[in-house]
Amino acid sequence: MCTTCGCGTGEIHVDGKAWSAHAKTPATDSAYASPPGEGTGEVPFKMSYRAVGARHGQVHSHADGQRHVHAHDHEHDAAHAHAHASAAAQGSATTPSRLIQIERDILARNDGYAAENRRRFDEQGIFALNLVSSPGSGKTSLLCRTIEALKGQLSIAVIEGDQQTSRDAERIRATGVAALQINTGKGCHLDAHMVGHALHELAPADDSLLLIENVGNLVCPAAFDLGEACKVVILSVTEGEDKPLKYPNMFHAASLMLLNKVDLLPHVSFDSDLAIAYARQVNPALQVIPLSATTGEGCEQWLAWLRAGCSARREQKRVTMASLQRRIAELEARLAAGG
């Protein structure tokens, strides 16, 4: 089970391949063949993956034409199995301190995968965002409007996270943009390992915008780094103004808050100023953009923020590559001079 929130494990479905826990990933799985720290003593349990019903690289198709990857939540299974194995060996129940250690190991393991994802984003100049919110905030509607406005200007790809169905990915694909669905089953969040496999399938273009729509949940996604440039939290006016105080970790982890559905303000009892004040009480540096995914009100400010982020990421990539090329030229000159 998830030691962060207590949710149960379940099958994970990622378009294209079928995965199961407890066996080695094929060597072709690049950086994800062996978890960071495995075999070094840094991680007290070993978990990786094998293809189920298909070799790595094969597509597992259903009669409805949908493609999925089936897997168990490796982080949760590992923690659950290891905790109980340790308790059984010691002849006692798992202690709170042991659970805390397992949670730390899970997050450290996730951070290793996130670092791999971040390295890829940096090398390719990809501006990756982790969109988080409670269910029903309007994330998918906002994504569709955003894509329609930007798809002629930027290369865009989307990773969709939900417990079940591929409805959101289908809505995104209808806009003409590539989207990949991850279904977490009983799991409550995406993790960096899932996103790494999704990147392997989706292959986003260099200098592109990658939008990751996380599972609707304001708790666990706050703790799991996916390698993104930043988290964007969406709060709708149909929720409570005090959400930032009730779920402070998420609002503290975010760089930007989108206050969605402002077109409904005349019809609901919601104090926007109070909601923003609460959010900045938790995170004074939090940027806020009020908007409506339905009417488009305020969306231009959001689009400008996205364009600026993509531009900054491309410039960062250019500067990094120029520095690397200079370094290579210096080393070649030294070698040529016999130094």
C-alpha atoms as a PDB file:
ATOM      1  CA  MET A   1       0.000   0.000   0.000  1.00  0.00           C
ATOM      2  CA  CYS A   2       1.048   3.607  -0.407  1.00  0.00           C
ATOM      3  CA  THR A   3       2.728   4.730   2.787  1.00  0.00           C
ATOM      4  CA  THR A   4       2.147   8.347   1.825  1.00  0.00           C
ATOM      5  CA  CYS A   5      -1.658   8.139   1.903  1.00  0.00           C
ATOM      6  CA  GLY A   6      -2.612   4.510   2.586  1.00  0.00           C
ATOM      7  CA  CYS A   7      -4.198   3.869  -0.812  1.00  0.00           C
ATOM      8  CA  GLY A   8      -4.133   0.314  -2.160  1.00  0.00           C
ATOM      9  CA  THR A   9      -2.190  -1.018  -5.099  1.00  0.00           C
ATOM     10  CA  GLY A  10      -3.749  -1.727  -8.454  1.00  0.00           C
ATOM     11  CA  GLU A  11      -2.976  -2.330 -12.064  1.00  0.00           C
ATOM     12  CA  ILE A  12      -1.276   0.440 -13.982  1.00  0.00           C
ATOM     13  CA  HIS A  13      -2.131   0.709 -17.681  1.00  0.00           C
ATOM     14  CA  VAL A  14       0.131   2.651 -20.026  1.00  0.00           C
ATOM     15  CA  ASP A  15      -0.658   2.768 -23.745  1.00  0.00           C
ATOM     16  CA  GLY A  16       1.498   0.348 -25.699  1.00  0.00           C
ATOM     17  CA  LYS A  17       3.057  -2.242 -23.380  1.00  0.00           C
ATOM     18  CA  ALA A  18       2.095  -4.613 -20.597  1.00  0.00           C
ATOM     19  CA  TRP A  19       4.100  -4.571 -17.389  1.00  0.00           C
ATOM     20  CA  SER A  20       4.114  -6.568 -14.179  1.00  0.00           C
ATOM     21  CA  ALA A  21       6.165  -6.343 -11.014  1.00  0.00           C
ATOM     22  CA  HIS A  22       8.756  -8.790  -9.703  1.00  0.00           C
ATOM     23  CA  ALA A  23      10.853  -9.395 -12.808  1.00  0.00           C
ATOM     24  CA  LYS A  24      13.695  -7.628 -14.560  1.00  0.00           C
ATOM     25  CA  THR A  25      13.015  -5.063 -17.260  1.00  0.00           C
ATOM     26  CA  PRO A  26      14.649  -5.967 -20.596  1.00  0.00           C
ATOM     27  CA  ALA A  27      17.941  -4.232 -21.200  1.00  0.00           C
ATOM     28  CA  THR A  28      16.337  -2.295 -24.039  1.00  0.00           C
ATOM     29  CA  ASP A  29      14.443  -0.273 -21.455  1.00  0.00           C
ATOM     30  CA  SER A  30      17.263   2.271 -21.269  1.00  0.00           C
ATOM     31  CA  ALA A  31      17.647   4.102 -17.955  1.00  0.00           C
ATOM     32  CA  TYR A  32      14.618   2.322 -16.515  1.00  0.00           C
ATOM     33  CA  ALA A  33      16.113  -1.177 -16.695  1.00  0.00           C
ATOM     34  CA  SER A  34      17.531  -0.883 -13.184  1.00  0.00           C
ATOM     35  CA  PRO A  35      16.328   1.521 -10.512  1.00  0.00           C
ATOM     36  CA  PRO A  36      18.767   4.110  -9.174  1.00  0.00           C
ATOM     37  CA  GLY A  37      20.474   2.759  -6.084  1.00  0.00           C
ATOM     38  CA  GLU A  38      19.606  -0.882  -6.781  1.00  0.00           C
ATOM     39  CA  GLY A  39      22.389  -3.173  -5.667  1.00  0.00           C
ATOM     40  CA  THR A  40      24.218  -0.334  -3.931  1.00  0.00           C
ATOM     41  CA  GLY A  41      22.605  -0.669  -0.540  1.00  0.00           C
ATOM     42  CA  GLU A  42      20.740   2.615  -1.000  1.00  0.00           C
ATOM     43  CA  VAL A  43      17.409   0.888  -1.564  1.00  0.00           C
ATOM     44  CA  PRO A  44      16.399  -1.937   0.799  1.00  0.00           C
ATOM     45  CA  PHE A  45      14.262  -3.764  -1.756  1.00  0.00           C
ATOM     46  CA  LYS A  46      14.561  -4.599  -5.433  1.00  0.00           C
ATOM     47  CA  MET A  47      11.676  -4.247  -7.817  1.00  0.00           C
ATOM     48  CA  SER A  48      11.573  -3.899 -11.578  1.00  0.00           C
ATOM     49  CA  TYR A  49       9.444  -5.024 -14.490  1.00  0.00           C
ATOM     50  CA  ARG A  50       8.890  -7.504 -17.226  1.00  0.00           C
ATOM     51  CA  ALA A  51       6.576  -7.482 -20.208  1.00  0.00           C
ATOM     52  CA  VAL A  52       3.333  -9.418 -19.707  1.00  0.00           C
ATOM     53  CA  GLY A  53       2.102 -11.276 -22.759  1.00  0.00           C
ATOM     54  CA  ALA A  54       4.483  -9.359 -25.001  1.00  0.00           C
ATOM     55  CA  ARG A  55       8.178  -8.719 -25.407  1.00  0.00           C
ATOM     56  CA  HIS A  56       9.466  -5.215 -24.705  1.00  0.00           C
ATOM     57  CA  GLY A  57       8.510  -3.059 -27.649  1.00  0.00           C
ATOM     58  CA  GLN A  58       5.455  -5.080 -28.586  1.00  0.00           C
ATOM     59  CA  VAL A  59       1.971  -3.600 -28.462  1.00  0.00           C
ATOM     60  CA  HIS A  60      -0.727  -5.255 -26.384  1.00  0.00           C
ATOM     61  CA  SER A  61      -4.070  -4.581 -28.080  1.00  0.00           C
ATOM     62  CA  HIS A  62      -7.656  -5.190 -26.999  1.00  0.00           C
ATOM     63  CA  ALA A  63     -10.705  -5.903 -29.104  1.00  0.00           C
ATOM     64  CA  ASP A  64     -11.790  -2.266 -28.819  1.00  0.00           C
ATOM     65  CA  GLY A  65      -8.563  -1.152 -30.498  1.00  0.00           C
ATOM     66  CA  GLN A  66      -7.134   0.419 -27.346  1.00  0.00           C
ATOM     67  CA  ARG A  67      -3.499  -0.157 -26.392  1.00  0.00           C
ATOM     68  CA  HIS A  68      -2.407  -0.486 -22.794  1.00  0.00           C
ATOM     69  CA  VAL A  69       0.441  -1.422 -20.558  1.00  0.00           C
ATOM     70  CA  HIS A  70      -0.571  -3.489 -17.540  1.00  0.00           C
ATOM     71  CA  ALA A  71       1.573  -3.232 -14.459  1.00  0.00           C
ATOM     72  CA  HIS A  72       1.413  -3.175 -10.697  1.00  0.00           C
ATOM     73  CA  ASP A  73       2.425  -0.064  -8.841  1.00  0.00           C
ATOM     74  CA  HIS A  74       6.065  -0.952  -8.201  1.00  0.00           C
ATOM     75  CA  GLU A  75       6.625   1.638  -5.504  1.00  0.00           C
ATOM     76  CA  HIS A  76       3.553   0.554  -3.534  1.00  0.00           C
ATOM     77  CA  ASP A  77       4.064  -3.184  -3.984  1.00  0.00           C
ATOM     78  CA  ALA A  78       7.689  -2.937  -2.970  1.00  0.00           C
ATOM     79  CA  ALA A  79       6.935  -0.994   0.192  1.00  0.00           C
ATOM     80  CA  HIS A  80       4.018  -3.227   1.125  1.00  0.00           C
ATOM     81  CA  ALA A  81       5.886  -6.478   0.501  1.00  0.00           C
ATOM     82  CA  HIS A  82       9.079  -5.351   2.151  1.00  0.00           C
ATOM     83  CA  ALA A  83       7.310  -4.018   5.225  1.00  0.00           C
ATOM     84  CA  HIS A  84       5.443  -7.253   5.824  1.00  0.00           C
ATOM     85  CA  ALA A  85       8.457  -9.420   5.032  1.00  0.00           C
ATOM     86  CA  SER A  86      10.498  -7.467   7.560  1.00  0.00           C
ATOM     87  CA  ALA A  87       7.768  -7.703  10.162  1.00  0.00           C
ATOM     88  CA  ALA A  88       7.387 -11.452   9.639  1.00  0.00           C
ATOM     89  CA  ALA A  89      11.124 -11.991   9.927  1.00  0.00           C
ATOM     90  CA  GLN A  90      11.202 -10.026  13.162  1.00  0.00           C
ATOM     91  CA  GLY A  91       8.072 -11.687  14.508  1.00  0.00           C
ATOM     92  CA  SER A  92       6.361  -8.364  15.082  1.00  0.00           C
ATOM     93  CA  ALA A  93       4.117  -5.838  13.380  1.00  0.00           C
ATOM     94  CA  THR A  94       5.599  -3.103  11.233  1.00  0.00           C
ATOM     95  CA  THR A  95       6.513  -0.152  13.441  1.00  0.00           C
ATOM     96  CA  PRO A  96       5.778   3.494  12.625  1.00  0.00           C
ATOM     97  CA  SER A  97       9.506   4.156  12.325  1.00  0.00           C
ATOM     98  CA  ARG A  98       9.795   1.305   9.812  1.00  0.00           C
ATOM     99  CA  LEU A  99       6.938   2.736   7.755  1.00  0.00           C
ATOM    100  CA  ILE A 100       8.617   6.140   7.794  1.00  0.00           C
ATOM    101  CA  GLN A 101      11.832   4.545   6.519  1.00  0.00           C
ATOM    102  CA  ILE A 102       9.948   2.774   3.731  1.00  0.00           C
ATOM    103  CA  GLU A 103       8.281   6.019   2.704  1.00  0.00           C
ATOM    104  CA  ARG A 104      11.657   7.745   2.588  1.00  0.00           C
ATOM    105  CA  ASP A 105      13.030   4.926   0.437  1.00  0.00           C
ATOM    106  CA  ILE A 106      10.042   5.158  -1.914  1.00  0.00           C
ATOM    107  CA  LEU A 107      10.475   8.887  -2.379  1.00  0.00           C
ATOM    108  CA  ALA A 108      14.251   8.583  -2.807  1.00  0.00           C
ATOM    109  CA  ARG A 109      13.698   5.898  -5.428  1.00  0.00           C
ATOM    110  CA  ASN A 110      11.162   8.087  -7.205  1.00  0.00           C
ATOM    111  CA  ASP A 111      13.578  11.030  -7.124  1.00  0.00           C
ATOM    112  CA  GLY A 112      16.154   8.912  -8.956  1.00  0.00           C
ATOM    113  CA  TYR A 113      13.723   8.274 -11.797  1.00  0.00           C
ATOM    114  CA  ALA A 114      12.665  11.936 -11.746  1.00  0.00           C
ATOM    115  CA  ALA A 115      16.299  12.973 -12.214  1.00  0.00           C
ATOM    116  CA  GLU A 116      16.482  10.785 -15.335  1.00  0.00           C
ATOM    117  CA  ASN A 117      13.314  12.378 -16.698  1.00  0.00           C
ATOM    118  CA  ARG A 118      14.604  15.867 -15.904  1.00  0.00           C
ATOM    119  CA  ARG A 119      17.916  15.153 -17.650  1.00  0.00           C
ATOM    120  CA  ARG A 120      15.997  14.146 -20.771  1.00  0.00           C
ATOM    121  CA  PHE A 121      13.829  17.256 -20.621  1.00  0.00           C
ATOM    122  CA  ASP A 122      16.901  19.459 -20.249  1.00  0.00           C
ATOM    123  CA  GLU A 123      18.742  17.795 -23.121  1.00  0.00           C
ATOM    124  CA  GLN A 124      15.737  18.077 -25.440  1.00  0.00           C
ATOM    125  CA  GLY A 125      14.644  21.538 -24.356  1.00  0.00           C
ATOM    126  CA  ILE A 126      11.223  20.211 -23.286  1.00  0.00           C
ATOM    127  CA  PHE A 127       9.091  22.393 -21.009  1.00  0.00           C
ATOM    128  CA  ALA A 128       7.317  19.772 -18.873  1.00  0.00           C
ATOM    129  CA  LEU A 129       4.481  20.703 -16.516  1.00  0.00           C
ATOM    130  CA  ASN A 130       2.755  18.605 -13.865  1.00  0.00           C
ATOM    131  CA  LEU A 131      -0.905  19.700 -13.698  1.00  0.00           C
ATOM    132  CA  VAL A 132      -2.473  18.813 -10.349  1.00  0.00           C
ATOM    133  CA  SER A 133      -5.866  19.397  -8.755  1.00  0.00           C
ATOM    134  CA  SER A 134      -8.794  17.714  -7.066  1.00  0.00           C
ATOM    135  CA  PRO A 135     -11.259  15.888  -9.375  1.00  0.00           C
ATOM    136  CA  GLY A 136     -13.566  18.091 -11.421  1.00  0.00           C
ATOM    137  CA  SER A 137     -11.462  21.246 -11.432  1.00  0.00           C
ATOM    138  CA  GLY A 138     -11.527  21.417 -15.238  1.00  0.00           C
ATOM    139  CA  LYS A 139      -7.972  20.270 -16.032  1.00  0.00           C
ATOM    140  CA  THR A 140      -8.861  18.412 -19.230  1.00  0.00           C
ATOM    141  CA  SER A 141     -11.114  21.181 -20.532  1.00  0.00           C
ATOM    142  CA  LEU A 142      -8.327  23.663 -19.880  1.00  0.00           C
ATOM    143  CA  LEU A 143      -5.839  21.420 -21.690  1.00  0.00           C
ATOM    144  CA  CYS A 144      -8.096  21.174 -24.730  1.00  0.00           C
ATOM    145  CA  ARG A 145      -8.497  24.969 -24.932  1.00  0.00           C
ATOM    146  CA  THR A 146      -4.755  25.434 -24.409  1.00  0.00           C
ATOM    147  CA  ILE A 147      -3.870  22.963 -27.152  1.00  0.00           C
ATOM    148  CA  GLU A 148      -6.288  24.536 -29.626  1.00  0.00           C
ATOM    149  CA  ALA A 149      -4.675  27.934 -28.995  1.00  0.00           C
ATOM    150  CA  LEU A 150      -1.038  26.785 -29.157  1.00  0.00           C
ATOM    151  CA  LYS A 151      -0.825  23.747 -31.434  1.00  0.00           C
ATOM    152  CA  GLY A 152       0.073  25.872 -34.456  1.00  0.00           C
ATOM    153  CA  GLN A 153       2.856  27.568 -32.506  1.00  0.00           C
ATOM    154  CA  LEU A 154       4.365  24.788 -30.383  1.00  0.00           C
ATOM    155  CA  SER A 155       4.892  21.053 -30.581  1.00  0.00           C
ATOM    156  CA  ILE A 156       2.720  19.632 -27.787  1.00  0.00           C
ATOM    157  CA  ALA A 157       2.354  16.188 -26.196  1.00  0.00           C
ATOM    158  CA  VAL A 158       0.185  15.103 -23.271  1.00  0.00           C
ATOM    159  CA  ILE A 159       0.393  12.374 -20.627  1.00  0.00           C
ATOM    160  CA  GLU A 160      -2.966  11.682 -18.995  1.00  0.00           C
ATOM    161  CA  GLY A 161      -3.281  10.138 -15.527  1.00  0.00           C
ATOM    162  CA  ASP A 162      -6.532   8.620 -14.268  1.00  0.00           C
ATOM    163  CA  GLN A 163      -7.507   5.606 -12.209  1.00  0.00           C
ATOM    164  CA  GLN A 164      -9.678   4.183 -15.007  1.00  0.00           C
ATOM    165  CA  THR A 165     -10.826   4.820 -18.634  1.00  0.00           C
ATOM    166  CA  SER A 166      -9.079   6.542 -21.518  1.00  0.00           C
ATOM    167  CA  ARG A 167     -11.732   9.267 -21.888  1.00  0.00           C
ATOM    168  CA  ASP A 168      -9.391  12.188 -21.212  1.00  0.00           C
ATOM    169  CA  ALA A 169      -6.705  10.918 -23.598  1.00  0.00           C
ATOM    170  CA  GLU A 170      -9.369  10.488 -26.282  1.00  0.00           C
ATOM    171  CA  ARG A 171     -10.489  14.103 -25.773  1.00  0.00           C
ATOM    172  CA  ILE A 172      -6.891  15.265 -26.154  1.00  0.00           C
ATOM    173  CA  ARG A 173      -6.263  13.136 -29.253  1.00  0.00           C
ATOM    174  CA  ALA A 174      -9.374  14.668 -30.825  1.00  0.00           C
ATOM    175  CA  THR A 175      -7.476  17.976 -30.894  1.00  0.00           C
ATOM    176  CA  GLY A 176      -4.821  16.375 -33.113  1.00  0.00           C
ATOM    177  CA  VAL A 177      -2.138  16.207 -30.414  1.00  0.00           C
ATOM    178  CA  ALA A 178      -0.385  13.017 -29.307  1.00  0.00           C
ATOM    179  CA  ALA A 179      -1.601  11.808 -25.902  1.00  0.00           C
ATOM    180  CA  LEU A 180      -0.829   8.748 -23.830  1.00  0.00           C
ATOM    181  CA  GLN A 181      -3.070   7.422 -21.056  1.00  0.00           C
ATOM    182  CA  ILE A 182      -1.780   6.025 -17.768  1.00  0.00           C
ATOM    183  CA  ASN A 183      -4.419   4.293 -15.649  1.00  0.00           C
ATOM    184  CA  THR A 184      -3.282   3.814 -12.064  1.00  0.00           C
ATOM    185  CA  GLY A 185      -6.053   1.436 -10.924  1.00  0.00           C
ATOM    186  CA  LYS A 186      -6.282   1.883  -7.156  1.00  0.00           C
ATOM    187  CA  GLY A 187      -3.208   4.124  -7.165  1.00  0.00           C
ATOM    188  CA  CYS A 188      -3.687   7.772  -6.275  1.00  0.00           C
ATOM    189  CA  HIS A 189      -0.922   9.495  -8.266  1.00  0.00           C
ATOM    190  CA  LEU A 190       1.550   9.298 -11.112  1.00  0.00           C
ATOM    191  CA  ASP A 191       5.182   8.648 -10.270  1.00  0.00           C
ATOM    192  CA  ALA A 192       8.404   9.323 -12.165  1.00  0.00           C
ATOM    193  CA  HIS A 193       8.860   5.700 -13.218  1.00  0.00           C
ATOM    194  CA  MET A 194       5.435   5.626 -14.915  1.00  0.00           C
ATOM    195  CA  VAL A 195       6.214   8.909 -16.672  1.00  0.00           C
ATOM    196  CA  GLY A 196       9.596   7.573 -17.803  1.00  0.00           C
ATOM    197  CA  HIS A 197       7.931   4.624 -19.533  1.00  0.00           C
ATOM    198  CA  ALA A 198       5.326   6.968 -21.012  1.00  0.00           C
ATOM    199  CA  LEU A 199       8.106   9.154 -22.443  1.00  0.00           C
ATOM    200  CA  HIS A 200       9.628   6.047 -24.042  1.00  0.00           C
ATOM    201  CA  GLU A 201       6.313   5.480 -25.851  1.00  0.00           C
ATOM    202  CA  LEU A 202       5.321   9.082 -26.543  1.00  0.00           C
ATOM    203  CA  ALA A 203       8.770  10.325 -27.682  1.00  0.00           C
ATOM    204  CA  PRO A 204       8.028  14.076 -27.370  1.00  0.00           C
ATOM    205  CA  ALA A 205       9.858  16.300 -29.835  1.00  0.00           C
ATOM    206  CA  ASP A 206      12.779  18.551 -28.968  1.00  0.00           C
ATOM    207  CA  ASP A 207      11.798  22.080 -27.848  1.00  0.00           C
ATOM    208  CA  SER A 208       8.243  20.964 -27.153  1.00  0.00           C
ATOM    209  CA  LEU A 209       5.624  21.489 -24.456  1.00  0.00           C
ATOM    210  CA  LEU A 210       4.770  18.392 -22.400  1.00  0.00           C
ATOM    211  CA  LEU A 211       1.616  18.615 -20.300  1.00  0.00           C
ATOM    212  CA  ILE A 212       1.206  15.911 -17.642  1.00  0.00           C
ATOM    213  CA  GLU A 213      -2.318  15.731 -16.216  1.00  0.00           C
ATOM    214  CA  ASN A 214      -1.973  13.979 -12.876  1.00  0.00           C
ATOM    215  CA  VAL A 215      -4.635  11.916 -11.111  1.00  0.00           C
ATOM    216  CA  GLY A 216      -7.246  14.125  -9.438  1.00  0.00           C
ATOM    217  CA  ASN A 217      -5.888  14.274  -5.885  1.00  0.00           C
ATOM    218  CA  LEU A 218      -4.450  17.096  -3.780  1.00  0.00           C
ATOM    219  CA  VAL A 219      -2.453  14.822  -1.449  1.00  0.00           C
ATOM    220  CA  CYS A 220       0.041  12.303  -2.878  1.00  0.00           C
ATOM    221  CA  PRO A 221       0.943  14.065  -6.156  1.00  0.00           C
ATOM    222  CA  ALA A 222       2.500  16.835  -4.052  1.00  0.00           C
ATOM    223  CA  ALA A 223       5.185  14.420  -2.809  1.00  0.00           C
ATOM    224  CA  PHE A 224       6.116  12.763  -6.103  1.00  0.00           C
ATOM    225  CA  ASP A 225       8.507  14.643  -8.398  1.00  0.00           C
ATOM    226  CA  LEU A 226       8.025  13.599 -12.037  1.00  0.00           C
ATOM    227  CA  GLY A 227      11.010  15.555 -13.370  1.00  0.00           C
ATOM    228  CA  GLU A 228       8.790  18.468 -14.375  1.00  0.00           C
ATOM    229  CA  ALA A 229       9.876  22.085 -14.601  1.00  0.00           C
ATOM    230  CA  CYS A 230       7.111  22.980 -12.157  1.00  0.00           C
ATOM    231  CA  LYS A 231       3.753  21.956 -10.774  1.00  0.00           C
ATOM    232  CA  VAL A 232       0.664  23.917 -11.796  1.00  0.00           C
ATOM    233  CA  VAL A 233      -2.237  23.560  -9.357  1.00  0.00           C
ATOM    234  CA  ILE A 234      -5.783  24.192 -10.593  1.00  0.00           C
ATOM    235  CA  LEU A 235      -8.408  25.365  -8.101  1.00  0.00           C
ATOM    236  CA  SER A 236     -11.958  25.960  -9.339  1.00  0.00           C
ATOM    237  CA  VAL A 237     -14.460  28.402  -7.886  1.00  0.00           C
ATOM    238  CA  THR A 238     -16.881  25.496  -7.349  1.00  0.00           C
ATOM    239  CA  GLU A 239     -14.595  24.278  -4.552  1.00  0.00           C
ATOM    240  CA  GLY A 240     -13.852  25.864  -1.182  1.00  0.00           C
ATOM    241  CA  GLU A 241     -11.659  28.930  -0.702  1.00  0.00           C
ATOM    242  CA  ASP A 242      -9.856  27.094   2.096  1.00  0.00           C
ATOM    243  CA  LYS A 243      -8.484  24.278  -0.096  1.00  0.00           C
ATOM    244  CA  PRO A 244      -4.945  25.766   0.093  1.00  0.00           C
ATOM    245  CA  LEU A 245      -5.099  25.599   3.900  1.00  0.00           C
ATOM    246  CA  LYS A 246      -6.528  22.082   3.936  1.00  0.00           C
ATOM    247  CA  TYR A 247      -3.993  20.743   1.422  1.00  0.00           C
ATOM    248  CA  PRO A 248      -0.976  23.002   1.988  1.00  0.00           C
ATOM    249  CA  ASN A 249       1.686  20.634   0.638  1.00  0.00           C
ATOM    250  CA  MET A 250       0.263  20.804  -2.880  1.00  0.00           C
ATOM    251  CA  PHE A 251      -0.007  24.587  -2.948  1.00  0.00           C
ATOM    252  CA  HIS A 252       3.451  24.921  -1.422  1.00  0.00           C
ATOM    253  CA  ALA A 253       4.912  22.607  -4.099  1.00  0.00           C
ATOM    254  CA  ALA A 254       3.273  24.497  -6.990  1.00  0.00           C
ATOM    255  CA  SER A 255       4.764  27.440  -8.862  1.00  0.00           C
ATOM    256  CA  LEU A 256       1.498  28.600 -10.413  1.00  0.00           C
ATOM    257  CA  MET A 257      -2.161  28.420  -9.380  1.00  0.00           C
ATOM    258  CA  LEU A 258      -4.853  28.649 -12.025  1.00  0.00           C
ATOM    259  CA  LEU A 259      -8.165  29.770 -10.536  1.00  0.00           C
ATOM    260  CA  ASN A 260     -10.558  28.156 -12.998  1.00  0.00           C
ATOM    261  CA  LYS A 261     -14.285  28.564 -13.775  1.00  0.00           C
ATOM    262  CA  VAL A 262     -14.342  32.271 -12.929  1.00  0.00           C
ATOM    263  CA  ASP A 263     -17.300  32.595 -15.306  1.00  0.00           C
ATOM    264  CA  LEU A 264     -19.361  30.913 -12.558  1.00  0.00           C
ATOM    265  CA  LEU A 265     -18.507  33.476  -9.870  1.00  0.00           C
ATOM    266  CA  PRO A 266     -21.898  35.249 -10.169  1.00  0.00           C
ATOM    267  CA  HIS A 267     -23.609  31.937  -9.417  1.00  0.00           C
ATOM    268  CA  VAL A 268     -21.540  30.537  -6.535  1.00  0.00           C
ATOM    269  CA  SER A 269     -20.522  31.657  -3.069  1.00  0.00           C
ATOM    270  CA  PHE A 270     -16.753  31.881  -3.535  1.00  0.00           C
ATOM    271  CA  ASP A 271     -14.393  34.630  -2.411  1.00  0.00           C
ATOM    272  CA  SER A 272     -11.551  34.759  -4.976  1.00  0.00           C
ATOM    273  CA  ASP A 273      -9.489  37.243  -2.982  1.00  0.00           C
ATOM    274  CA  LEU A 274      -9.710  35.052   0.111  1.00  0.00           C
ATOM    275  CA  ALA A 275      -8.740  31.917  -1.850  1.00  0.00           C
ATOM    276  CA  ILE A 276      -5.692  33.689  -3.291  1.00  0.00           C
ATOM    277  CA  ALA A 277      -4.759  35.048   0.137  1.00  0.00           C
ATOM    278  CA  TYR A 278      -4.940  31.550   1.621  1.00  0.00           C
ATOM    279  CA  ALA A 279      -2.812  30.168  -1.211  1.00  0.00           C
ATOM    280  CA  ARG A 280      -0.160  32.843  -0.714  1.00  0.00           C
ATOM    281  CA  GLN A 281      -0.268  32.296   3.035  1.00  0.00           C
ATOM    282  CA  VAL A 282       0.990  28.782   2.251  1.00  0.00           C
ATOM    283  CA  ASN A 283       3.270  29.850  -0.618  1.00  0.00           C
ATOM    284  CA  PRO A 284       4.093  33.588  -0.802  1.00  0.00           C
ATOM    285  CA  ALA A 285       5.864  33.149  -4.158  1.00  0.00           C
ATOM    286  CA  LEU A 286       2.879  31.449  -5.824  1.00  0.00           C
ATOM    287  CA  GLN A 287       1.784  33.060  -9.086  1.00  0.00           C
ATOM    288  CA  VAL A 288      -1.972  33.174  -9.684  1.00  0.00           C
ATOM    289  CA  ILE A 289      -3.937  33.445 -12.922  1.00  0.00           C
ATOM    290  CA  PRO A 290      -7.765  33.606 -12.747  1.00  0.00           C
ATOM    291  CA  LEU A 291      -9.334  32.183 -15.904  1.00  0.00           C
ATOM    292  CA  SER A 292     -12.185  30.257 -17.467  1.00  0.00           C
ATOM    293  CA  ALA A 293     -11.525  27.238 -19.648  1.00  0.00           C
ATOM    294  CA  THR A 294     -15.120  27.564 -20.881  1.00  0.00           C
ATOM    295  CA  THR A 295     -15.228  31.205 -22.002  1.00  0.00           C
ATOM    296  CA  GLY A 296     -11.500  31.830 -22.468  1.00  0.00           C
ATOM    297  CA  GLU A 297     -11.441  34.688 -19.978  1.00  0.00           C
ATOM    298  CA  GLY A 298      -7.900  35.101 -18.628  1.00  0.00           C
ATOM    299  CA  CYS A 299      -6.508  32.348 -20.834  1.00  0.00           C
ATOM    300  CA  GLU A 300      -4.204  34.682 -22.769  1.00  0.00           C
ATOM    301  CA  GLN A 301      -2.185  35.307 -19.615  1.00  0.00           C
ATOM    302  CA  TRP A 302      -1.873  31.538 -19.140  1.00  0.00           C
ATOM    303  CA  LEU A 303      -0.814  31.076 -22.768  1.00  0.00           C
ATOM    304  CA  ALA A 304       1.773  33.853 -22.431  1.00  0.00           C
ATOM    305  CA  TRP A 305       3.141  32.103 -19.326  1.00  0.00           C
ATOM    306  CA  LEU A 306       3.474  28.864 -21.314  1.00  0.00           C
ATOM    307  CA  ARG A 307       5.178  30.579 -24.262  1.00  0.00           C
ATOM    308  CA  ALA A 308       7.645  32.261 -21.915  1.00  0.00           C
ATOM    309  CA  GLY A 309       8.415  28.942 -20.224  1.00  0.00           C
ATOM    310  CA  CYS A 310       9.033  27.190 -23.531  1.00  0.00           C
ATOM    311  CA  SER A 311      11.220  30.031 -24.731  1.00  0.00           C
ATOM    312  CA  ALA A 312      13.280  29.983 -21.517  1.00  0.00           C
ATOM    313  CA  ARG A 313      13.741  26.221 -21.776  1.00  0.00           C
ATOM    314  CA  ARG A 314      14.930  26.493 -25.394  1.00  0.00           C
ATOM    315  CA  GLU A 315      17.377  29.233 -24.421  1.00  0.00           C
ATOM    316  CA  GLN A 316      18.663  27.149 -21.521  1.00  0.00           C
ATOM    317  CA  LYS A 317      19.258  24.254 -23.914  1.00  0.00           C
ATOM    318  CA  ARG A 318      21.054  26.563 -26.384  1.00  0.00           C
ATOM    319  CA  VAL A 319      23.346  27.977 -23.695  1.00  0.00           C
ATOM    320  CA  THR A 320      24.116  24.508 -22.341  1.00  0.00           C
ATOM    321  CA  MET A 321      24.935  23.149 -25.794  1.00  0.00           C
ATOM    322  CA  ALA A 322      27.116  26.164 -26.628  1.00  0.00           C
ATOM    323  CA  SER A 323      29.027  25.706 -23.371  1.00  0.00           C
ATOM    324  CA  LEU A 324      29.496  22.010 -24.084  1.00  0.00           C
ATOM    325  CA  GLN A 325      30.738  22.709 -27.608  1.00  0.00           C
ATOM    326  CA  ARG A 326      33.239  25.246 -26.280  1.00  0.00           C
ATOM    327  CA  ARG A 327      34.494  22.721 -23.764  1.00  0.00           C
ATOM    328  CA  ILE A 328      34.892  20.070 -26.447  1.00  0.00           C
ATOM    329  CA  ALA A 329      36.783  22.537 -28.669  1.00  0.00           C
ATOM    330  CA  GLU A 330      39.134  23.392 -25.784  1.00  0.00           C
ATOM    331  CA  LEU A 331      39.850  19.718 -25.099  1.00  0.00           C
ATOM    332  CA  GLU A 332      40.474  19.025 -28.771  1.00  0.00           C
ATOM    333  CA  ALA A 333      42.872  21.996 -28.930  1.00  0.00           C
ATOM    334  CA  ARG A 334      44.775  20.662 -25.903  1.00  0.00           C
ATOM    335  CA  LEU A 335      45.028  17.231 -27.441  1.00  0.00           C
ATOM    336  CA  ALA A 336      46.226  18.699 -30.727  1.00  0.00           C
ATOM    337  CA  ALA A 337      48.891  20.670 -28.838  1.00  0.00           C
ATOM    338  CA  GLY A 338      50.039  17.523 -27.095  1.00  0.00           C
ATOM    339  CA  GLY A 339      48.675  18.602 -23.743  1.00  0.00           C
END
